[in-house]
C-alpha cells in the first residue's frame, strides 16, 4: 500500500488548499488590480499581501482553468500571515460557483497525487 503524507499549514481557512498549475494560473481581479492566486480552496484563496488591506470586504472576479464562466462575488480579507500573504474567504458564493471551485480543487488534488505516485 502506498502512503501519501499531506502537510497542511495552519491558517484561517478550514478547507484543503491547492496550488494552481504555474502553466495554467488562476488570474484574480480585485480592487481594480490583477494578481495570480497563490493557492485556492473551497472556501477562499491566498494572494500576495500588498494587493488588499486586511479586515475588509472586496468584490472580486477570477477565472478558473476548469470553469466555463468567471466566478465573482465578495471576499473577506483575513489578517496577514507570517509570510506576508493574505488569505481571503469567499462570501456567499452561488451554488454553481461553489461547485466550480470544488471541481477545480478536486482536479488539482488528483493531479498532485498522480505526481507523487509517479515520482516514487
N, C-alpha and C. Protein backbone atom coordinates (compact mmCIF):
# COMPACT_ATOMS: atom_id res chain seq x y z
N UNK A 1 0.84 -1.18 0.00
CA UNK A 1 0.00 0.00 0.00
C UNK A 1 0.88 1.24 0.00
N UNK A 2 0.56 2.21 -0.83
CA UNK A 2 1.30 3.47 -0.88
C UNK A 2 0.74 4.44 0.14
N UNK A 3 1.63 5.14 0.83
CA UNK A 3 1.21 6.18 1.77
C UNK A 3 1.51 7.53 1.17
N UNK A 4 0.58 8.44 1.33
CA UNK A 4 0.77 9.82 0.89
C UNK A 4 0.63 10.70 2.11
N UNK A 5 1.64 11.47 2.39
CA UNK A 5 1.63 12.37 3.53
C UNK A 5 1.29 13.77 3.05
N UNK A 6 0.36 14.41 3.74
CA UNK A 6 -0.03 15.77 3.40
C UNK A 6 0.27 16.64 4.59
N UNK A 7 0.96 17.74 4.34
CA UNK A 7 1.26 18.71 5.39
C UNK A 7 0.41 19.95 5.13
N UNK A 8 -0.41 20.33 6.08
CA UNK A 8 -1.27 21.49 5.91
C UNK A 8 -0.80 22.60 6.84
N UNK A 9 -0.64 23.78 6.28
CA UNK A 9 -0.26 24.93 7.08
C UNK A 9 -1.45 25.40 7.91
N UNK A 10 -1.17 25.92 9.08
CA UNK A 10 -2.23 26.46 9.92
C UNK A 10 -2.64 27.80 9.34
N UNK A 11 -3.94 27.96 9.13
CA UNK A 11 -4.42 29.20 8.54
C UNK A 11 -5.83 29.49 9.06
N UNK A 12 -6.38 30.60 8.64
CA UNK A 12 -7.74 30.95 9.00
C UNK A 12 -8.76 30.23 8.14
N UNK A 13 -8.29 29.50 7.13
CA UNK A 13 -9.20 28.76 6.26
C UNK A 13 -9.22 27.30 6.71
N UNK A 14 -10.38 26.68 6.60
CA UNK A 14 -10.53 25.33 7.12
C UNK A 14 -10.73 24.28 6.03
N UNK A 15 -10.37 24.58 4.81
CA UNK A 15 -10.52 23.64 3.71
C UNK A 15 -9.15 23.34 3.10
N UNK A 16 -9.06 22.20 2.42
CA UNK A 16 -7.81 21.79 1.79
C UNK A 16 -7.43 22.76 0.68
N UNK A 17 -6.21 23.25 0.71
CA UNK A 17 -5.73 24.25 -0.25
C UNK A 17 -4.84 23.60 -1.30
N UNK A 18 -5.03 24.01 -2.55
CA UNK A 18 -4.19 23.52 -3.64
C UNK A 18 -3.53 24.70 -4.34
N UNK A 19 -2.36 24.44 -4.88
CA UNK A 19 -1.62 25.46 -5.63
C UNK A 19 -1.98 25.32 -7.10
N UNK A 20 -2.35 26.42 -7.75
CA UNK A 20 -2.66 26.33 -9.18
C UNK A 20 -1.44 25.90 -9.99
N UNK A 21 -1.68 25.28 -11.14
CA UNK A 21 -0.63 24.90 -12.06
C UNK A 21 0.05 26.17 -12.56
N UNK A 22 1.38 26.31 -12.41
CA UNK A 22 2.07 27.52 -12.87
C UNK A 22 1.89 27.78 -14.37
N UNK A 23 1.66 26.71 -15.13
CA UNK A 23 1.45 26.88 -16.57
C UNK A 23 0.01 27.24 -16.92
N UNK A 24 -0.89 27.17 -15.94
CA UNK A 24 -2.30 27.50 -16.15
C UNK A 24 -2.81 28.20 -14.89
N UNK A 25 -2.34 29.42 -14.63
CA UNK A 25 -2.63 30.11 -13.37
C UNK A 25 -4.09 30.55 -13.26
N UNK A 26 -4.49 30.84 -12.03
CA UNK A 26 -5.78 31.45 -11.76
C UNK A 26 -5.53 32.95 -11.66
N UNK A 27 -6.14 33.71 -12.55
CA UNK A 27 -5.97 35.16 -12.54
C UNK A 27 -7.15 35.78 -11.80
N UNK A 28 -6.83 36.63 -10.86
CA UNK A 28 -7.80 37.27 -9.99
C UNK A 28 -7.85 38.76 -10.30
N UNK A 29 -9.05 39.31 -10.31
CA UNK A 29 -9.20 40.76 -10.37
C UNK A 29 -9.86 41.19 -9.07
N UNK A 30 -9.16 42.05 -8.32
CA UNK A 30 -9.66 42.53 -7.04
C UNK A 30 -9.17 43.96 -6.83
N UNK A 31 -10.07 44.81 -6.42
CA UNK A 31 -9.74 46.22 -6.17
C UNK A 31 -9.09 46.87 -7.40
N UNK A 32 -9.57 46.49 -8.58
CA UNK A 32 -9.06 47.06 -9.82
C UNK A 32 -7.67 46.60 -10.22
N UNK A 33 -7.15 45.59 -9.53
CA UNK A 33 -5.81 45.08 -9.82
C UNK A 33 -5.89 43.62 -10.24
N UNK A 34 -4.94 43.19 -11.04
CA UNK A 34 -4.84 41.79 -11.43
C UNK A 34 -3.73 41.12 -10.64
N UNK A 35 -3.95 39.89 -10.23
CA UNK A 35 -2.96 39.14 -9.47
C UNK A 35 -3.15 37.66 -9.73
N UNK A 36 -2.10 36.90 -9.51
CA UNK A 36 -2.21 35.44 -9.52
C UNK A 36 -2.66 34.99 -8.14
N UNK A 37 -3.49 33.96 -8.11
CA UNK A 37 -3.88 33.33 -6.86
C UNK A 37 -2.75 32.38 -6.46
N UNK A 38 -2.28 32.46 -5.22
CA UNK A 38 -1.18 31.62 -4.75
C UNK A 38 -1.65 30.21 -4.38
N UNK A 39 -2.84 30.12 -3.78
CA UNK A 39 -3.49 28.84 -3.54
C UNK A 39 -4.99 29.09 -3.45
N UNK A 40 -5.76 28.01 -3.58
CA UNK A 40 -7.21 28.14 -3.54
C UNK A 40 -7.79 26.92 -2.84
N UNK A 41 -8.92 27.12 -2.17
CA UNK A 41 -9.64 26.04 -1.52
C UNK A 41 -11.13 26.29 -1.72
N UNK A 42 -11.93 25.40 -1.17
CA UNK A 42 -13.37 25.52 -1.32
C UNK A 42 -13.92 26.77 -0.66
N UNK A 43 -13.19 27.33 0.30
CA UNK A 43 -13.73 28.50 0.98
C UNK A 43 -12.93 29.78 0.81
N UNK A 44 -11.90 29.78 -0.03
CA UNK A 44 -11.16 31.02 -0.25
C UNK A 44 -9.87 30.82 -1.01
N UNK A 45 -9.03 31.86 -0.98
CA UNK A 45 -7.76 31.82 -1.70
C UNK A 45 -6.74 32.70 -0.99
N UNK A 46 -5.48 32.54 -1.39
CA UNK A 46 -4.38 33.34 -0.85
C UNK A 46 -3.79 34.16 -1.98
N UNK A 47 -3.41 35.41 -1.68
CA UNK A 47 -2.76 36.27 -2.66
C UNK A 47 -1.65 37.07 -1.99
N UNK A 48 -0.78 37.69 -2.77
CA UNK A 48 0.29 38.50 -2.17
C UNK A 48 -0.29 39.61 -1.30
N UNK A 49 0.41 39.95 -0.22
CA UNK A 49 -0.10 40.88 0.78
C UNK A 49 -0.29 42.31 0.36
N UNK A 50 0.41 42.76 -0.64
CA UNK A 50 0.35 44.18 -0.98
C UNK A 50 -0.88 44.57 -1.81
N UNK A 51 -1.73 43.64 -2.16
CA UNK A 51 -2.86 43.90 -3.04
C UNK A 51 -4.04 44.54 -2.31
N UNK A 52 -4.39 44.01 -1.13
CA UNK A 52 -5.56 44.48 -0.39
C UNK A 52 -5.22 44.71 1.07
N UNK A 53 -6.14 45.37 1.78
CA UNK A 53 -5.95 45.62 3.21
C UNK A 53 -6.71 44.57 4.01
N UNK A 54 -6.11 44.12 5.08
CA UNK A 54 -6.74 43.12 5.92
C UNK A 54 -7.96 43.68 6.64
N UNK A 55 -8.90 42.78 6.94
CA UNK A 55 -10.09 43.17 7.68
C UNK A 55 -11.17 43.84 6.86
N UNK A 56 -11.06 43.84 5.55
CA UNK A 56 -12.06 44.49 4.69
C UNK A 56 -12.73 43.46 3.80
N UNK A 57 -13.82 43.87 3.18
CA UNK A 57 -14.54 43.05 2.20
C UNK A 57 -14.34 43.69 0.83
N UNK A 58 -14.02 42.85 -0.16
CA UNK A 58 -13.75 43.33 -1.52
C UNK A 58 -14.56 42.55 -2.55
N UNK A 59 -14.99 43.21 -3.60
CA UNK A 59 -15.54 42.47 -4.73
C UNK A 59 -14.38 41.85 -5.51
N UNK A 60 -14.61 40.69 -6.11
CA UNK A 60 -13.56 40.01 -6.86
C UNK A 60 -14.17 39.30 -8.06
N UNK A 61 -13.29 38.92 -8.96
CA UNK A 61 -13.63 38.07 -10.09
C UNK A 61 -12.41 37.22 -10.40
N UNK A 62 -12.61 35.95 -10.67
CA UNK A 62 -11.48 35.09 -11.03
C UNK A 62 -11.92 34.07 -12.08
N UNK A 63 -10.95 33.66 -12.87
CA UNK A 63 -11.18 32.66 -13.91
C UNK A 63 -10.47 31.38 -13.52
N UNK A 64 -11.23 30.31 -13.34
CA UNK A 64 -10.64 29.01 -13.08
C UNK A 64 -10.34 28.32 -14.41
N UNK A 65 -9.19 27.69 -14.53
CA UNK A 65 -8.87 27.00 -15.79
C UNK A 65 -9.91 25.95 -16.19
N UNK A 66 -10.59 25.36 -15.21
CA UNK A 66 -11.58 24.33 -15.50
C UNK A 66 -13.00 24.88 -15.57
N UNK A 67 -13.18 26.17 -15.32
CA UNK A 67 -14.52 26.75 -15.28
C UNK A 67 -14.98 27.26 -16.64
N UNK A 68 -16.29 27.33 -16.79
CA UNK A 68 -16.87 27.82 -18.03
C UNK A 68 -17.03 29.34 -18.02
N UNK A 69 -17.32 29.88 -16.85
CA UNK A 69 -17.54 31.33 -16.71
C UNK A 69 -16.76 31.82 -15.48
N UNK A 70 -16.44 33.11 -15.44
CA UNK A 70 -15.73 33.65 -14.27
C UNK A 70 -16.59 33.53 -13.00
N UNK A 71 -15.90 33.41 -11.89
CA UNK A 71 -16.54 33.41 -10.58
C UNK A 71 -16.38 34.81 -10.02
N UNK A 72 -17.46 35.36 -9.50
CA UNK A 72 -17.38 36.71 -8.94
C UNK A 72 -18.25 36.80 -7.70
N UNK A 73 -17.93 37.77 -6.90
CA UNK A 73 -18.67 37.97 -5.66
C UNK A 73 -17.85 38.82 -4.71
N UNK A 74 -17.88 38.46 -3.44
CA UNK A 74 -17.15 39.19 -2.42
C UNK A 74 -16.28 38.24 -1.60
N UNK A 75 -15.18 38.78 -1.09
CA UNK A 75 -14.32 38.04 -0.17
C UNK A 75 -14.04 38.91 1.05
N UNK A 76 -13.90 38.26 2.20
CA UNK A 76 -13.45 38.91 3.42
C UNK A 76 -11.97 38.62 3.56
N UNK A 77 -11.18 39.65 3.85
CA UNK A 77 -9.73 39.51 3.96
C UNK A 77 -9.34 39.26 5.41
N UNK A 78 -8.64 38.15 5.64
CA UNK A 78 -8.17 37.79 6.97
C UNK A 78 -6.86 38.52 7.28
N UNK A 79 -6.43 38.53 8.54
CA UNK A 79 -5.15 39.17 8.87
C UNK A 79 -3.99 38.53 8.12
N UNK A 80 -3.00 39.33 7.80
CA UNK A 80 -1.81 38.88 7.07
C UNK A 80 -1.09 37.80 7.87
N UNK A 81 -0.57 36.78 7.18
CA UNK A 81 0.16 35.72 7.89
C UNK A 81 1.65 36.07 7.94
N UNK A 82 2.43 35.20 8.57
CA UNK A 82 3.86 35.47 8.80
C UNK A 82 4.67 35.56 7.52
N UNK A 83 4.16 35.06 6.41
CA UNK A 83 4.90 35.13 5.15
C UNK A 83 4.54 36.36 4.33
N UNK A 84 3.65 37.20 4.84
CA UNK A 84 3.25 38.41 4.12
C UNK A 84 2.17 38.17 3.09
N UNK A 85 1.56 36.99 3.13
CA UNK A 85 0.47 36.68 2.21
C UNK A 85 -0.87 36.92 2.87
N UNK A 86 -1.87 37.20 2.06
CA UNK A 86 -3.21 37.49 2.56
C UNK A 86 -4.17 36.37 2.17
N UNK A 87 -4.96 35.92 3.13
CA UNK A 87 -5.97 34.91 2.85
C UNK A 87 -7.34 35.57 2.79
N UNK A 88 -8.12 35.16 1.82
CA UNK A 88 -9.45 35.72 1.61
C UNK A 88 -10.48 34.60 1.67
N UNK A 89 -11.60 34.88 2.32
CA UNK A 89 -12.70 33.92 2.43
C UNK A 89 -13.83 34.34 1.50
N UNK A 90 -14.35 33.39 0.71
CA UNK A 90 -15.50 33.67 -0.13
C UNK A 90 -16.70 34.01 0.74
N UNK A 91 -17.52 34.95 0.26
CA UNK A 91 -18.75 35.32 0.96
C UNK A 91 -19.93 34.95 0.07
N UNK A 92 -20.73 33.98 0.52
CA UNK A 92 -21.98 33.60 -0.15
C UNK A 92 -21.85 33.37 -1.65
N UNK A 93 -20.97 32.47 -2.06
CA UNK A 93 -20.89 32.11 -3.47
C UNK A 93 -22.19 31.44 -3.90
N UNK A 94 -22.57 31.65 -5.14
CA UNK A 94 -23.72 30.95 -5.69
C UNK A 94 -23.38 29.46 -5.74
N UNK A 95 -24.38 28.59 -5.62
CA UNK A 95 -24.11 27.14 -5.62
C UNK A 95 -23.31 26.66 -6.83
N UNK A 96 -23.60 27.17 -8.02
CA UNK A 96 -22.85 26.73 -9.20
C UNK A 96 -21.41 27.23 -9.18
N UNK A 97 -21.16 28.38 -8.58
CA UNK A 97 -19.79 28.88 -8.45
C UNK A 97 -19.02 28.06 -7.41
N UNK A 98 -19.67 27.74 -6.30
CA UNK A 98 -19.03 26.89 -5.28
C UNK A 98 -18.69 25.53 -5.86
N UNK A 99 -19.59 24.98 -6.66
CA UNK A 99 -19.35 23.68 -7.31
C UNK A 99 -18.15 23.76 -8.26
N UNK A 100 -18.02 24.86 -8.98
CA UNK A 100 -16.90 25.06 -9.89
C UNK A 100 -15.57 25.10 -9.13
N UNK A 101 -15.56 25.77 -7.99
CA UNK A 101 -14.35 25.82 -7.16
C UNK A 101 -14.03 24.42 -6.62
N UNK A 102 -15.04 23.72 -6.11
CA UNK A 102 -14.83 22.35 -5.60
C UNK A 102 -14.26 21.45 -6.70
N UNK A 103 -14.80 21.55 -7.90
CA UNK A 103 -14.33 20.73 -9.02
C UNK A 103 -12.86 21.02 -9.31
N UNK A 104 -12.49 22.30 -9.35
CA UNK A 104 -11.10 22.67 -9.62
C UNK A 104 -10.16 22.11 -8.55
N UNK A 105 -10.53 22.27 -7.29
CA UNK A 105 -9.69 21.79 -6.19
C UNK A 105 -9.53 20.28 -6.27
N UNK A 106 -10.60 19.57 -6.56
CA UNK A 106 -10.52 18.12 -6.68
C UNK A 106 -9.60 17.71 -7.83
N UNK A 107 -9.70 18.36 -8.97
CA UNK A 107 -8.83 18.06 -10.11
C UNK A 107 -7.37 18.27 -9.73
N UNK A 108 -7.06 19.39 -9.06
CA UNK A 108 -5.66 19.66 -8.66
C UNK A 108 -5.18 18.65 -7.63
N UNK A 109 -6.05 18.21 -6.70
CA UNK A 109 -5.67 17.19 -5.73
C UNK A 109 -5.30 15.90 -6.44
N UNK A 110 -6.11 15.50 -7.39
CA UNK A 110 -5.83 14.27 -8.13
C UNK A 110 -4.52 14.38 -8.90
N UNK A 111 -4.26 15.54 -9.50
CA UNK A 111 -3.00 15.74 -10.22
C UNK A 111 -1.82 15.64 -9.27
N UNK A 112 -1.94 16.21 -8.07
CA UNK A 112 -0.85 16.15 -7.09
C UNK A 112 -0.59 14.71 -6.65
N UNK A 113 -1.66 13.94 -6.44
CA UNK A 113 -1.50 12.54 -6.04
C UNK A 113 -0.82 11.73 -7.15
N UNK A 114 -1.26 11.95 -8.40
CA UNK A 114 -0.63 11.25 -9.53
C UNK A 114 0.85 11.59 -9.62
N UNK A 115 1.18 12.84 -9.41
CA UNK A 115 2.57 13.29 -9.47
C UNK A 115 3.40 12.63 -8.37
N UNK A 116 2.86 12.56 -7.17
CA UNK A 116 3.58 11.90 -6.07
C UNK A 116 3.83 10.43 -6.36
N UNK A 117 2.80 9.78 -6.86
CA UNK A 117 2.94 8.34 -7.18
C UNK A 117 3.94 8.11 -8.30
N UNK A 118 3.95 8.97 -9.29
CA UNK A 118 4.87 8.82 -10.42
C UNK A 118 6.31 9.07 -10.00
N UNK A 119 6.54 9.90 -9.00
CA UNK A 119 7.90 10.23 -8.59
C UNK A 119 8.51 9.17 -7.68
N UNK A 120 7.73 8.19 -7.27
CA UNK A 120 8.26 7.13 -6.37
C UNK A 120 8.91 6.04 -7.13
